[in-house]
N, C-alpha and C. Protein backbone atom coordinates (compact mmCIF):
# COMPACT_ATOMS: atom_id res chain seq x y z
N MET A 1 -19.32 2.97 17.37
CA MET A 1 -19.64 2.06 18.01
C MET A 1 -19.35 2.21 19.85
N ASN A 2 -19.69 1.72 20.26
CA ASN A 2 -19.10 1.33 22.16
C ASN A 2 -19.33 -0.65 21.76
N ARG A 3 -18.21 -0.32 22.29
CA ARG A 3 -17.79 -1.93 21.96
C ARG A 3 -17.61 -2.41 23.65
N LYS A 4 -18.37 -3.93 24.38
CA LYS A 4 -17.91 -4.59 25.34
C LYS A 4 -16.61 -4.54 25.95
N PRO A 5 -16.19 -3.45 26.82
CA PRO A 5 -14.61 -3.65 26.52
C PRO A 5 -14.46 -5.82 27.20
N PHE A 6 -13.18 -6.53 27.04
CA PHE A 6 -13.27 -7.64 28.05
C PHE A 6 -12.90 -8.22 28.95
N PRO A 7 -13.44 -8.79 29.63
CA PRO A 7 -13.63 -9.25 30.76
C PRO A 7 -11.87 -9.70 31.31
N LEU A 8 -11.61 -10.40 30.29
CA LEU A 8 -10.60 -9.75 31.45
C LEU A 8 -8.79 -9.62 31.61
N GLU A 9 -8.00 -9.53 32.63
CA GLU A 9 -6.18 -8.96 32.64
C GLU A 9 -5.97 -9.95 31.44
N ILE A 10 -5.58 -9.05 30.22
CA ILE A 10 -4.83 -9.15 29.02
C ILE A 10 -3.07 -9.26 29.40
N PRO A 11 -2.71 -10.37 29.48
CA PRO A 11 -1.04 -11.00 30.01
C PRO A 11 -0.19 -9.67 28.22
N PRO A 12 0.67 -9.16 28.97
CA PRO A 12 1.52 -8.35 27.86
C PRO A 12 1.28 -8.65 26.82
N VAL A 13 2.32 -10.26 27.00
CA VAL A 13 2.57 -10.58 26.07
C VAL A 13 1.62 -10.93 24.62
N LEU A 14 0.52 -11.13 25.55
CA LEU A 14 -1.64 -11.46 24.32
C LEU A 14 -1.44 -9.94 23.67
N ARG A 15 -1.46 -8.78 24.29
CA ARG A 15 -1.60 -7.64 24.10
C ARG A 15 -1.95 -7.49 22.01
N PRO A 16 -0.43 -7.92 21.97
CA PRO A 16 -0.88 -7.95 20.85
C PRO A 16 -1.68 -8.87 19.85
N TYR A 17 -1.88 -9.72 20.12
CA TYR A 17 -2.61 -10.21 19.97
C TYR A 17 -4.47 -10.40 20.12
N ILE A 18 -4.71 -10.67 21.57
CA ILE A 18 -6.16 -10.78 22.22
C ILE A 18 -6.39 -9.59 21.76
N LEU A 19 -8.18 -9.21 21.49
CA LEU A 19 -8.94 -7.99 20.96
C LEU A 19 -9.31 -7.95 22.14
N ASP A 20 -9.30 -6.45 22.26
CA ASP A 20 -10.02 -5.46 24.15
C ASP A 20 -10.95 -5.61 24.09
N PHE A 21 -11.57 -6.21 22.92
CA PHE A 21 -13.19 -5.69 23.18
C PHE A 21 -14.00 -7.59 23.01
N HIS A 22 -14.75 -7.70 23.37
CA HIS A 22 -16.09 -8.95 23.17
C HIS A 22 -16.26 -8.36 21.55
N TRP A 23 -16.03 -10.32 21.31
CA TRP A 23 -16.47 -10.45 19.58
C TRP A 23 -17.00 -11.61 20.14
N ASP A 24 -17.81 -11.80 18.56
CA ASP A 24 -19.59 -12.71 18.53
C ASP A 24 -17.78 -13.54 17.84
N LEU A 25 -18.50 -15.05 17.87
CA LEU A 25 -17.84 -15.59 16.07
C LEU A 25 -18.57 -16.23 16.26
N ALA A 26 -19.67 -16.19 15.79
CA ALA A 26 -20.95 -16.57 15.08
C ALA A 26 -20.87 -15.72 14.38
N ALA A 27 -21.13 -14.37 14.67
CA ALA A 27 -20.80 -13.12 13.67
C ALA A 27 -19.74 -12.66 12.20
N LEU A 28 -18.22 -13.69 13.29
CA LEU A 28 -16.63 -14.13 11.97
C LEU A 28 -17.45 -14.95 11.15
N HIS A 29 -18.24 -16.48 11.88
CA HIS A 29 -18.16 -17.29 11.19
C HIS A 29 -19.23 -16.53 9.80
N ALA A 30 -19.69 -15.90 9.90
CA ALA A 30 -21.21 -15.15 8.18
C ALA A 30 -20.49 -14.48 8.51
N LEU A 31 -19.81 -14.50 8.22
CA LEU A 31 -19.26 -13.01 7.09
C LEU A 31 -18.74 -14.03 6.00
N ALA A 32 -19.47 -13.25 4.90
CA ALA A 32 -17.77 -13.47 3.97
C ALA A 32 -16.55 -12.66 3.58
N LEU A 33 -15.77 -12.98 3.95
CA LEU A 33 -13.49 -13.21 3.93
C LEU A 33 -13.57 -13.77 2.60
N PRO A 34 -12.53 -12.85 2.06
CA PRO A 34 -12.10 -13.55 1.30
C PRO A 34 -11.00 -14.86 2.01
N ARG A 35 -10.22 -15.62 1.18
CA ARG A 35 -10.11 -17.09 1.86
C ARG A 35 -8.85 -17.12 1.17
N VAL A 36 -7.03 -17.72 1.55
CA VAL A 36 -5.83 -17.62 1.25
C VAL A 36 -5.37 -18.39 2.31
N ASP A 37 -4.54 -18.87 1.34
CA ASP A 37 -3.42 -20.02 1.85
C ASP A 37 -2.02 -19.32 1.84
N VAL A 38 -1.95 -20.19 3.54
CA VAL A 38 -0.83 -19.25 4.75
C VAL A 38 -0.50 -20.15 5.08
N THR A 39 0.53 -20.13 5.44
CA THR A 39 2.14 -20.97 5.55
C THR A 39 1.93 -20.98 6.79
N VAL A 40 2.00 -22.27 8.33
CA VAL A 40 2.12 -22.81 9.28
C VAL A 40 3.00 -21.62 9.29
N ALA A 41 4.25 -21.66 9.17
CA ALA A 41 4.67 -20.81 9.02
C ALA A 41 5.19 -20.13 9.97
N GLU A 42 4.82 -18.88 8.99
CA GLU A 42 4.13 -17.65 9.37
C GLU A 42 2.96 -17.57 10.17
N LEU A 43 2.58 -18.60 10.96
CA LEU A 43 2.00 -18.22 12.15
C LEU A 43 1.82 -18.85 13.21
N ASP A 44 2.84 -19.38 12.91
CA ASP A 44 3.31 -20.62 13.90
C ASP A 44 3.14 -19.83 15.00
N HIS A 45 3.96 -18.27 15.65
CA HIS A 45 4.03 -17.82 16.70
C HIS A 45 3.07 -17.69 17.11
N HIS A 46 2.22 -17.81 17.02
CA HIS A 46 0.42 -18.28 17.78
C HIS A 46 1.05 -18.71 18.38
N LEU A 47 1.61 -20.20 18.41
CA LEU A 47 1.82 -21.94 19.11
C LEU A 47 3.02 -21.42 20.17
N ASP A 48 3.55 -20.53 20.58
CA ASP A 48 4.33 -20.03 22.33
C ASP A 48 3.44 -18.36 22.75
N LEU A 49 2.62 -19.35 22.37
CA LEU A 49 1.91 -17.83 23.37
C LEU A 49 0.84 -18.24 23.63
N PRO A 50 0.75 -17.96 25.66
CA PRO A 50 0.21 -18.50 26.31
C PRO A 50 -2.46 -18.71 26.63
N PHE A 51 -2.62 -18.95 24.65
CA PHE A 51 -4.01 -18.18 25.01
C PHE A 51 -4.76 -19.59 25.36
N TRP A 52 -3.92 -20.08 25.47
CA TRP A 52 -5.65 -21.43 26.67
C TRP A 52 -5.43 -21.47 27.70
N ALA A 53 -6.88 -22.34 28.93
CA ALA A 53 -6.63 -22.50 30.16
C ALA A 53 -6.25 -23.57 30.30
N TYR A 54 -5.56 -23.59 31.36
CA TYR A 54 -6.00 -24.96 32.63
C TYR A 54 -5.73 -24.35 33.94
N ALA A 55 -7.24 -26.14 34.12
CA ALA A 55 -6.72 -25.82 35.43
C ALA A 55 -8.22 -25.36 35.88
N GLY A 56 -8.78 -24.60 34.79
CA GLY A 56 -9.53 -23.43 35.16
C GLY A 56 -9.39 -22.14 35.50
N ARG A 57 -8.48 -21.37 34.91
CA ARG A 57 -7.51 -19.88 34.68
C ARG A 57 -7.28 -20.32 33.32
N PRO A 58 -7.40 -18.75 32.33
CA PRO A 58 -7.59 -17.75 31.26
C PRO A 58 -5.86 -17.48 31.32
N PHE A 59 -5.38 -18.72 30.18
CA PHE A 59 -3.75 -17.03 29.75
C PHE A 59 -3.25 -18.31 30.52
N GLN A 60 -3.14 -19.47 30.08
CA GLN A 60 -2.04 -20.20 31.89
C GLN A 60 -1.08 -21.38 30.30
N VAL A 61 -1.86 -21.84 29.87
CA VAL A 61 -0.94 -22.71 28.34
C VAL A 61 -0.99 -22.77 27.16
N ILE A 62 0.68 -22.92 26.65
CA ILE A 62 0.76 -22.35 25.57
C ILE A 62 0.31 -23.74 24.12
N PRO A 63 0.70 -23.57 23.53
CA PRO A 63 0.24 -24.64 22.53
C PRO A 63 1.21 -25.80 22.22
N HIS A 64 1.86 -25.12 21.93
CA HIS A 64 3.13 -26.00 22.41
C HIS A 64 4.19 -26.94 23.56
N GLN A 65 2.98 -26.49 24.77
CA GLN A 65 3.55 -27.05 25.36
C GLN A 65 2.49 -27.94 26.04
N VAL A 66 1.32 -27.96 25.31
CA VAL A 66 -0.01 -29.18 25.02
C VAL A 66 0.35 -29.94 23.82
N ALA A 67 1.38 -29.98 22.71
CA ALA A 67 2.22 -31.06 21.93
C ALA A 67 3.10 -31.47 22.93
N ALA A 68 3.90 -30.38 23.48
CA ALA A 68 5.08 -31.80 24.03
C ALA A 68 4.82 -32.53 25.43
N ASP A 69 4.20 -32.08 25.97
CA ASP A 69 2.97 -33.01 26.98
C ASP A 69 1.99 -33.24 27.18
N PRO A 70 1.24 -34.15 25.76
CA PRO A 70 0.05 -34.57 26.38
C PRO A 70 -0.46 -34.68 26.78
N LEU A 71 -0.44 -35.90 28.08
CA LEU A 71 -0.88 -35.76 28.53
C LEU A 71 -1.40 -35.32 29.82
N ARG A 72 -0.30 -34.52 30.55
CA ARG A 72 -0.92 -33.55 31.20
C ARG A 72 -1.80 -32.47 30.89
N PHE A 73 -1.86 -32.32 29.24
CA PHE A 73 -3.13 -31.02 29.23
C PHE A 73 -4.04 -31.96 28.12
N HIS A 74 -3.96 -33.16 28.14
CA HIS A 74 -4.80 -34.44 27.53
C HIS A 74 -6.48 -33.93 27.94
N GLU A 75 -6.34 -32.35 27.81
CA GLU A 75 -7.89 -32.07 27.55
C GLU A 75 -7.81 -30.92 26.36
N GLN A 76 -7.19 -29.91 26.22
CA GLN A 76 -6.50 -29.40 25.09
C GLN A 76 -5.61 -30.29 24.03
N TYR A 77 -4.91 -31.03 24.13
CA TYR A 77 -4.49 -31.57 23.10
C TYR A 77 -5.81 -33.11 22.11
N ALA A 78 -6.32 -33.26 22.85
CA ALA A 78 -8.08 -33.67 22.60
C ALA A 78 -8.57 -32.90 21.42
N ARG A 79 -8.76 -31.44 21.72
CA ARG A 79 -8.89 -30.55 21.22
C ARG A 79 -8.74 -30.06 19.33
N THR A 80 -6.91 -30.67 20.21
CA THR A 80 -6.44 -30.17 19.35
C THR A 80 -6.25 -31.56 18.48
N LEU A 81 -6.64 -32.59 18.50
CA LEU A 81 -6.87 -34.16 17.96
C LEU A 81 -8.39 -33.42 16.89
N VAL A 82 -9.09 -33.54 17.14
CA VAL A 82 -10.05 -33.82 16.84
C VAL A 82 -10.12 -32.37 15.44
N ALA A 83 -9.76 -31.15 15.89
CA ALA A 83 -9.55 -30.18 15.43
C ALA A 83 -9.61 -30.59 14.06
N ASP A 84 -10.63 -30.32 13.18
CA ASP A 84 -10.87 -30.66 11.50
C ASP A 84 -10.15 -29.36 10.68
N LEU A 85 -9.76 -29.60 9.76
CA LEU A 85 -8.49 -28.43 9.12
C LEU A 85 -9.30 -28.00 7.79
N ALA A 86 -10.40 -28.66 8.08
CA ALA A 86 -11.75 -28.85 6.01
C ALA A 86 -12.29 -26.82 6.68
N HIS A 87 -12.34 -26.73 7.82
CA HIS A 87 -12.62 -25.49 8.22
C HIS A 87 -11.28 -24.89 8.33
N PRO A 88 -11.41 -23.42 7.88
CA PRO A 88 -10.20 -22.47 8.15
C PRO A 88 -10.10 -21.87 9.38
N LEU A 89 -8.58 -21.17 9.24
CA LEU A 89 -8.65 -20.18 10.38
C LEU A 89 -8.93 -19.08 10.21
N ASP A 90 -9.23 -18.52 11.49
CA ASP A 90 -10.31 -16.68 11.02
C ASP A 90 -8.51 -15.82 10.92
N VAL A 91 -7.89 -15.06 11.08
CA VAL A 91 -7.66 -14.09 10.91
C VAL A 91 -7.63 -13.17 11.10
N VAL A 92 -7.26 -11.75 12.24
CA VAL A 92 -7.81 -10.62 11.39
C VAL A 92 -5.72 -8.94 11.01
N ARG A 93 -6.31 -8.98 9.48
CA ARG A 93 -5.65 -8.72 9.20
C ARG A 93 -5.07 -6.98 9.93
N ARG A 94 -3.47 -6.71 10.89
CA ARG A 94 -3.92 -5.15 11.66
C ARG A 94 -3.10 -4.06 10.95
N PRO A 95 -3.13 -3.66 11.66
CA PRO A 95 -3.19 -1.65 9.99
C PRO A 95 -1.04 -2.24 10.38
N ASP A 96 -0.85 -2.97 10.26
CA ASP A 96 1.12 -3.43 9.89
C ASP A 96 0.88 -4.11 10.06
N GLY A 97 -0.26 -4.06 9.03
CA GLY A 97 -0.21 -5.43 8.29
C GLY A 97 0.21 -7.43 8.27
N ARG A 98 -0.13 -7.14 10.47
CA ARG A 98 -0.20 -8.62 10.87
C ARG A 98 -0.64 -9.49 10.17
N LEU A 99 -1.21 -10.29 10.52
CA LEU A 99 -2.11 -11.78 10.74
C LEU A 99 -1.85 -13.08 11.81
N THR A 100 -3.63 -11.53 12.62
CA THR A 100 -3.07 -12.89 14.23
C THR A 100 -4.80 -13.14 13.87
N ILE A 101 -4.87 -14.58 14.49
CA ILE A 101 -5.90 -15.33 14.80
C ILE A 101 -7.73 -15.12 15.64
N LEU A 102 -7.88 -15.08 15.24
CA LEU A 102 -9.31 -15.30 16.20
C LEU A 102 -9.73 -16.21 16.51
N ASP A 103 -9.75 -17.17 15.62
CA ASP A 103 -9.84 -18.66 15.91
C ASP A 103 -9.77 -18.82 15.31
N GLY A 104 -8.65 -20.10 16.10
CA GLY A 104 -8.25 -21.99 14.87
C GLY A 104 -6.92 -22.27 15.65
N VAL A 105 -6.88 -21.39 16.26
CA VAL A 105 -5.39 -21.54 16.54
C VAL A 105 -5.15 -23.47 16.93
N HIS A 106 -5.87 -24.37 18.23
CA HIS A 106 -5.71 -25.67 18.19
C HIS A 106 -6.26 -25.81 16.47
N ARG A 107 -6.92 -25.80 15.33
CA ARG A 107 -6.20 -26.40 13.99
C ARG A 107 -4.98 -26.08 13.47
N LEU A 108 -4.09 -24.94 14.04
CA LEU A 108 -2.78 -24.39 13.41
C LEU A 108 -1.39 -25.41 14.46
N LEU A 109 -2.03 -25.85 15.68
CA LEU A 109 -1.53 -26.71 15.71
C LEU A 109 -1.51 -28.04 15.71
N ARG A 110 -2.76 -28.09 15.23
CA ARG A 110 -2.96 -29.63 14.39
C ARG A 110 -2.19 -30.20 12.87
N ALA A 111 -2.50 -29.07 12.51
CA ALA A 111 -1.99 -28.55 11.22
C ALA A 111 0.43 -29.03 11.36
N GLU A 112 0.65 -28.10 12.40
CA GLU A 112 2.26 -28.35 11.92
C GLU A 112 1.73 -30.59 12.80
N LEU A 113 1.34 -30.33 14.25
CA LEU A 113 1.93 -31.51 13.76
C LEU A 113 1.88 -32.73 12.98
N GLY A 114 0.67 -32.39 12.11
CA GLY A 114 1.09 -33.01 10.83
C GLY A 114 1.53 -33.01 9.54
N GLY A 115 2.46 -32.31 9.88
CA GLY A 115 3.17 -31.85 8.76
C GLY A 115 2.94 -30.99 8.22
N VAL A 116 1.75 -30.57 7.83
CA VAL A 116 1.11 -29.13 7.12
C VAL A 116 2.19 -28.11 7.12
N GLU A 117 1.67 -27.82 5.40
CA GLU A 117 2.01 -26.65 5.65
C GLU A 117 2.05 -25.57 4.79
N LEU A 118 0.54 -25.51 4.35
CA LEU A 118 -0.27 -24.34 4.28
C LEU A 118 -1.50 -24.47 4.39
N VAL A 119 -2.11 -24.01 5.80
CA VAL A 119 -3.23 -24.01 6.48
C VAL A 119 -4.50 -22.73 5.34
N ASP A 120 -5.57 -23.27 4.99
CA ASP A 120 -6.62 -21.60 4.03
C ASP A 120 -6.93 -21.41 5.18
N VAL A 121 -6.70 -19.55 4.95
CA VAL A 121 -7.49 -18.56 6.42
C VAL A 121 -8.46 -17.87 5.23
N ARG A 122 -9.43 -17.30 6.06
CA ARG A 122 -9.95 -16.40 6.06
C ARG A 122 -9.92 -14.98 6.80
N VAL A 123 -10.13 -13.42 6.25
CA VAL A 123 -8.94 -12.30 6.47
C VAL A 123 -10.16 -11.29 6.39
N LEU A 124 -9.89 -11.03 7.76
CA LEU A 124 -10.76 -9.88 8.28
C LEU A 124 -9.92 -9.13 8.26
N ASP A 125 -10.87 -7.83 7.66
CA ASP A 125 -9.41 -6.51 7.66
C ASP A 125 -10.15 -6.00 8.93
N TRP A 126 -8.74 -5.05 10.04
CA TRP A 126 -9.04 -4.14 10.47
C TRP A 126 -9.99 -2.90 10.56
N GLU A 127 -10.28 -2.81 9.54
CA GLU A 127 -11.25 -1.66 9.75
C GLU A 127 -12.67 -2.70 9.19
N ARG A 128 -12.96 -3.59 9.79
CA ARG A 128 -14.20 -4.17 9.46
C ARG A 128 -14.76 -5.03 10.81
N LEU A 129 -13.55 -4.41 12.34
CA LEU A 129 -14.24 -5.65 13.91
C LEU A 129 -15.70 -4.72 14.33
N GLY A 130 -16.39 -3.81 13.61
CA GLY A 130 -17.26 -3.22 13.49
C GLY A 130 -18.07 -4.29 13.76
N GLU A 131 -17.47 -4.90 12.82
CA GLU A 131 -18.85 -5.92 12.56
C GLU A 131 -18.98 -7.45 13.15
N ILE A 132 -18.40 -7.22 13.53
CA ILE A 132 -18.67 -8.65 15.25
C ILE A 132 -18.44 -8.23 16.51
N ALA A 133 -17.85 -7.16 16.43
CA ALA A 133 -17.90 -6.27 18.42
C ALA A 133 -19.45 -6.71 18.66
N VAL A 134 -18.85 -6.87 19.61
CA VAL A 134 -20.35 -7.17 20.91
C VAL A 134 -20.67 -5.16 21.09
N PRO A 135 -21.55 -5.33 21.12
CA PRO A 135 -21.30 -3.99 21.49
C PRO A 135 -22.36 -3.80 23.50
N ASP A 136 -21.24 -2.59 23.39
CA ASP A 136 -21.68 -1.74 25.67
C ASP A 136 -23.41 -2.19 25.48
């Protein structure tokens, strides 16, 4: 299947995390996926990566920056505070076994800020990525 390429330049630090093609969030959420508890510590390295936009520019803000300066990054901080931990994070298990977050970085930061040790995670296996890919 041809996949629609990701339209933005992905910073080198994010290349091991962000998929290089468009994928459909609704399709991801519609999948029946296994759920597991994962420690926040196993995923917290995501909170040191510039996933979030600032001033209309993507890949500018690190979640831990938001936590450290909620007034400056009030939009992202507000999104974090309303993130509902009743919804699991969605991750993909890469061929090397690493879990990378597809949906849920705000929930992960919310969990860390709240002292939560385990988060509910839905795991998509790498071989199933075609099920969420937007065709070219």
